[in-house]
């Protein structure tokens, strides 16, 4: 018989799935910011303030991703 993973009725699996989905969303936004930063910095007349804000947002996303990864597996250094 195949080993079928059943969801934990305590809600732990649902929480894990929720965290993993959030990490995916944040990684997509992080990647999109890479593209935006690259396009903005390639322009001769780029807005330095906007560039700084996007970089700060990207760092914040990275911190959030790291925190969520630690929530998923606290025994592994993220």
N, C-alpha and C. Protein backbone atom coordinates (compact mmCIF):
# COMPACT_ATOMS: atom_id res chain seq x y z
N UNK A 1 0.85 -1.18 0.00
CA UNK A 1 0.00 0.00 0.00
C UNK A 1 0.90 1.24 0.00
N UNK A 2 0.55 2.23 -0.78
CA UNK A 2 1.34 3.47 -0.88
C UNK A 2 1.22 4.27 0.40
N UNK A 3 2.30 4.94 0.74
CA UNK A 3 2.32 5.78 1.92
C UNK A 3 1.66 7.11 1.57
N UNK A 4 0.46 7.33 2.07
CA UNK A 4 -0.30 8.55 1.79
C UNK A 4 -0.21 9.47 2.99
N UNK A 5 0.21 10.70 2.75
CA UNK A 5 0.33 11.67 3.83
C UNK A 5 -1.05 12.26 4.13
N UNK A 6 -1.47 12.12 5.35
CA UNK A 6 -2.76 12.66 5.77
C UNK A 6 -2.52 13.99 6.49
N UNK A 7 -3.42 14.92 6.31
CA UNK A 7 -3.29 16.21 6.99
C UNK A 7 -3.52 16.03 8.49
N UNK A 8 -2.73 16.70 9.24
CA UNK A 8 -2.81 16.67 10.69
C UNK A 8 -4.06 17.44 11.13
N UNK A 9 -4.98 16.79 11.84
CA UNK A 9 -6.22 17.46 12.26
C UNK A 9 -5.98 18.62 13.23
N UNK A 10 -4.81 18.67 13.84
CA UNK A 10 -4.53 19.76 14.78
C UNK A 10 -4.31 21.08 14.06
N UNK A 11 -4.17 21.04 12.75
CA UNK A 11 -4.00 22.27 11.99
C UNK A 11 -2.55 22.58 11.68
N UNK A 12 -1.62 21.77 12.14
CA UNK A 12 -0.20 22.03 11.89
C UNK A 12 0.13 21.97 10.41
N UNK A 13 -0.45 21.00 9.69
CA UNK A 13 -0.19 20.90 8.26
C UNK A 13 -0.79 22.10 7.52
N UNK A 14 -1.95 22.53 7.94
CA UNK A 14 -2.58 23.69 7.31
C UNK A 14 -1.72 24.94 7.53
N UNK A 15 -1.18 25.07 8.71
CA UNK A 15 -0.30 26.21 9.02
C UNK A 15 0.98 26.14 8.19
N UNK A 16 1.52 24.94 8.06
CA UNK A 16 2.73 24.73 7.26
C UNK A 16 2.48 25.12 5.79
N UNK A 17 1.37 24.68 5.26
CA UNK A 17 1.02 25.02 3.88
C UNK A 17 0.85 26.53 3.73
N UNK A 18 0.21 27.14 4.69
CA UNK A 18 0.02 28.60 4.68
C UNK A 18 1.37 29.32 4.67
N UNK A 19 2.30 28.88 5.51
CA UNK A 19 3.62 29.49 5.56
C UNK A 19 4.36 29.30 4.24
N UNK A 20 4.27 28.11 3.68
CA UNK A 20 4.96 27.84 2.42
C UNK A 20 4.39 28.69 1.29
N UNK A 21 3.08 28.86 1.27
CA UNK A 21 2.45 29.71 0.25
C UNK A 21 2.90 31.16 0.40
N UNK A 22 2.98 31.62 1.61
CA UNK A 22 3.42 33.00 1.87
C UNK A 22 4.87 33.20 1.44
N UNK A 23 5.71 32.20 1.70
CA UNK A 23 7.11 32.28 1.28
C UNK A 23 7.19 32.38 -0.24
N UNK A 24 6.40 31.59 -0.94
CA UNK A 24 6.40 31.64 -2.41
C UNK A 24 5.98 33.04 -2.88
N UNK A 25 4.94 33.60 -2.27
CA UNK A 25 4.49 34.95 -2.65
C UNK A 25 5.59 35.98 -2.43
N UNK A 26 6.25 35.90 -1.29
CA UNK A 26 7.31 36.86 -0.97
C UNK A 26 8.50 36.69 -1.92
N UNK A 27 8.83 35.47 -2.25
CA UNK A 27 9.94 35.24 -3.19
C UNK A 27 9.62 35.80 -4.57
N UNK A 28 8.37 35.66 -5.00
CA UNK A 28 7.97 36.23 -6.29
C UNK A 28 8.08 37.75 -6.26
N UNK A 29 7.63 38.36 -5.19
CA UNK A 29 7.73 39.81 -5.07
C UNK A 29 9.20 40.24 -5.02
N UNK A 30 10.02 39.47 -4.32
CA UNK A 30 11.45 39.75 -4.22
C UNK A 30 12.09 39.70 -5.62
N UNK A 31 11.73 38.69 -6.40
CA UNK A 31 12.25 38.56 -7.76
C UNK A 31 11.76 39.71 -8.65
N UNK A 32 10.50 40.07 -8.50
CA UNK A 32 9.96 41.20 -9.27
C UNK A 32 10.68 42.49 -8.94
N UNK A 33 11.04 42.66 -7.67
CA UNK A 33 11.79 43.85 -7.28
C UNK A 33 13.19 43.85 -7.91
N UNK A 34 13.79 42.69 -8.05
CA UNK A 34 15.08 42.60 -8.75
C UNK A 34 14.95 43.18 -10.16
N UNK A 35 13.91 42.76 -10.84
CA UNK A 35 13.67 43.23 -12.21
C UNK A 35 13.43 44.74 -12.23
N UNK A 36 12.60 45.21 -11.30
CA UNK A 36 12.30 46.64 -11.24
C UNK A 36 13.56 47.45 -10.92
N UNK A 37 14.36 46.96 -10.00
CA UNK A 37 15.59 47.67 -9.63
C UNK A 37 16.56 47.71 -10.81
N UNK A 38 16.65 46.62 -11.52
CA UNK A 38 17.55 46.57 -12.68
C UNK A 38 17.10 47.57 -13.75
N UNK A 39 15.81 47.58 -14.02
CA UNK A 39 15.28 48.51 -15.04
C UNK A 39 15.47 49.96 -14.61
N UNK A 40 15.20 50.23 -13.36
CA UNK A 40 15.32 51.60 -12.86
C UNK A 40 16.77 52.07 -12.88
N UNK A 41 17.68 51.21 -12.45
CA UNK A 41 19.08 51.62 -12.40
C UNK A 41 19.71 51.73 -13.79
N UNK A 42 19.12 51.10 -14.79
CA UNK A 42 19.61 51.20 -16.16
C UNK A 42 19.26 52.55 -16.79
N UNK A 43 18.28 53.21 -16.23
CA UNK A 43 17.87 54.51 -16.78
C UNK A 43 18.87 55.59 -16.36
N UNK A 44 19.10 56.50 -17.26
CA UNK A 44 20.01 57.61 -16.98
C UNK A 44 19.39 58.56 -15.96
N UNK A 45 18.10 58.75 -16.04
CA UNK A 45 17.41 59.72 -15.18
C UNK A 45 16.64 59.03 -14.04
N UNK A 46 17.23 57.97 -13.46
CA UNK A 46 16.51 57.24 -12.41
C UNK A 46 16.32 58.09 -11.16
N UNK A 47 15.29 57.75 -10.42
CA UNK A 47 14.94 58.44 -9.18
C UNK A 47 15.65 57.73 -8.02
N UNK A 48 16.65 58.38 -7.44
CA UNK A 48 17.45 57.77 -6.37
C UNK A 48 16.61 57.42 -5.16
N UNK A 49 15.63 58.24 -4.85
CA UNK A 49 14.77 57.96 -3.69
C UNK A 49 13.94 56.71 -3.94
N UNK A 50 13.38 56.60 -5.13
CA UNK A 50 12.59 55.42 -5.46
C UNK A 50 13.48 54.17 -5.45
N UNK A 51 14.68 54.29 -5.96
CA UNK A 51 15.62 53.17 -5.97
C UNK A 51 15.92 52.71 -4.53
N UNK A 52 16.15 53.66 -3.64
CA UNK A 52 16.41 53.35 -2.23
C UNK A 52 15.21 52.68 -1.58
N UNK A 53 14.02 53.16 -1.88
CA UNK A 53 12.80 52.55 -1.30
C UNK A 53 12.63 51.12 -1.78
N UNK A 54 12.89 50.89 -3.05
CA UNK A 54 12.75 49.53 -3.59
C UNK A 54 13.79 48.59 -2.96
N UNK A 55 15.00 49.08 -2.77
CA UNK A 55 16.04 48.27 -2.13
C UNK A 55 15.67 47.94 -0.69
N UNK A 56 15.11 48.90 0.03
CA UNK A 56 14.67 48.65 1.40
C UNK A 56 13.54 47.63 1.44
N UNK A 57 12.62 47.75 0.50
CA UNK A 57 11.51 46.79 0.42
C UNK A 57 12.05 45.38 0.16
N UNK A 58 13.03 45.30 -0.73
CA UNK A 58 13.63 44.01 -1.05
C UNK A 58 14.29 43.40 0.18
N UNK A 59 15.01 44.20 0.96
CA UNK A 59 15.63 43.71 2.19
C UNK A 59 14.58 43.26 3.20
N UNK A 60 13.51 44.00 3.31
CA UNK A 60 12.43 43.63 4.22
C UNK A 60 11.83 42.29 3.81
N UNK A 61 11.62 42.11 2.51
CA UNK A 61 11.08 40.83 2.02
C UNK A 61 12.02 39.68 2.36
N UNK A 62 13.31 39.90 2.18
CA UNK A 62 14.29 38.86 2.49
C UNK A 62 14.23 38.50 3.97
N UNK A 63 14.12 39.49 4.83
CA UNK A 63 14.00 39.24 6.27
C UNK A 63 12.73 38.45 6.58
N UNK A 64 11.62 38.80 5.94
CA UNK A 64 10.36 38.10 6.16
C UNK A 64 10.46 36.64 5.70
N UNK A 65 11.09 36.43 4.55
CA UNK A 65 11.28 35.07 4.04
C UNK A 65 12.10 34.25 5.02
N UNK A 66 13.19 34.82 5.50
CA UNK A 66 14.05 34.12 6.45
C UNK A 66 13.29 33.77 7.72
N UNK A 67 12.50 34.70 8.24
CA UNK A 67 11.73 34.47 9.45
C UNK A 67 10.72 33.34 9.24
N UNK A 68 10.02 33.36 8.11
CA UNK A 68 9.03 32.33 7.83
C UNK A 68 9.69 30.96 7.65
N UNK A 69 10.86 30.94 7.02
CA UNK A 69 11.57 29.68 6.87
C UNK A 69 11.97 29.11 8.22
N UNK A 70 12.34 29.97 9.15
CA UNK A 70 12.65 29.50 10.51
C UNK A 70 11.40 28.99 11.22
N UNK A 71 10.28 29.59 10.93
CA UNK A 71 9.01 29.11 11.50
C UNK A 71 8.71 27.71 11.01
N UNK A 72 9.00 27.45 9.73
CA UNK A 72 8.74 26.13 9.15
C UNK A 72 9.65 25.08 9.76
N UNK A 73 10.91 25.41 9.92
CA UNK A 73 11.88 24.45 10.43
C UNK A 73 12.85 25.15 11.37
N UNK A 74 12.46 25.30 12.61
CA UNK A 74 13.28 26.06 13.56
C UNK A 74 14.65 25.45 13.87
N UNK A 75 14.83 24.17 13.59
CA UNK A 75 16.10 23.51 13.88
C UNK A 75 17.15 23.72 12.80
N UNK A 76 16.74 24.25 11.65
CA UNK A 76 17.66 24.47 10.54
C UNK A 76 17.91 25.96 10.41
N UNK A 77 19.18 26.35 10.28
CA UNK A 77 19.49 27.77 10.10
C UNK A 77 19.06 28.20 8.71
N UNK A 78 18.24 29.23 8.65
CA UNK A 78 17.74 29.71 7.36
C UNK A 78 18.70 30.68 6.74
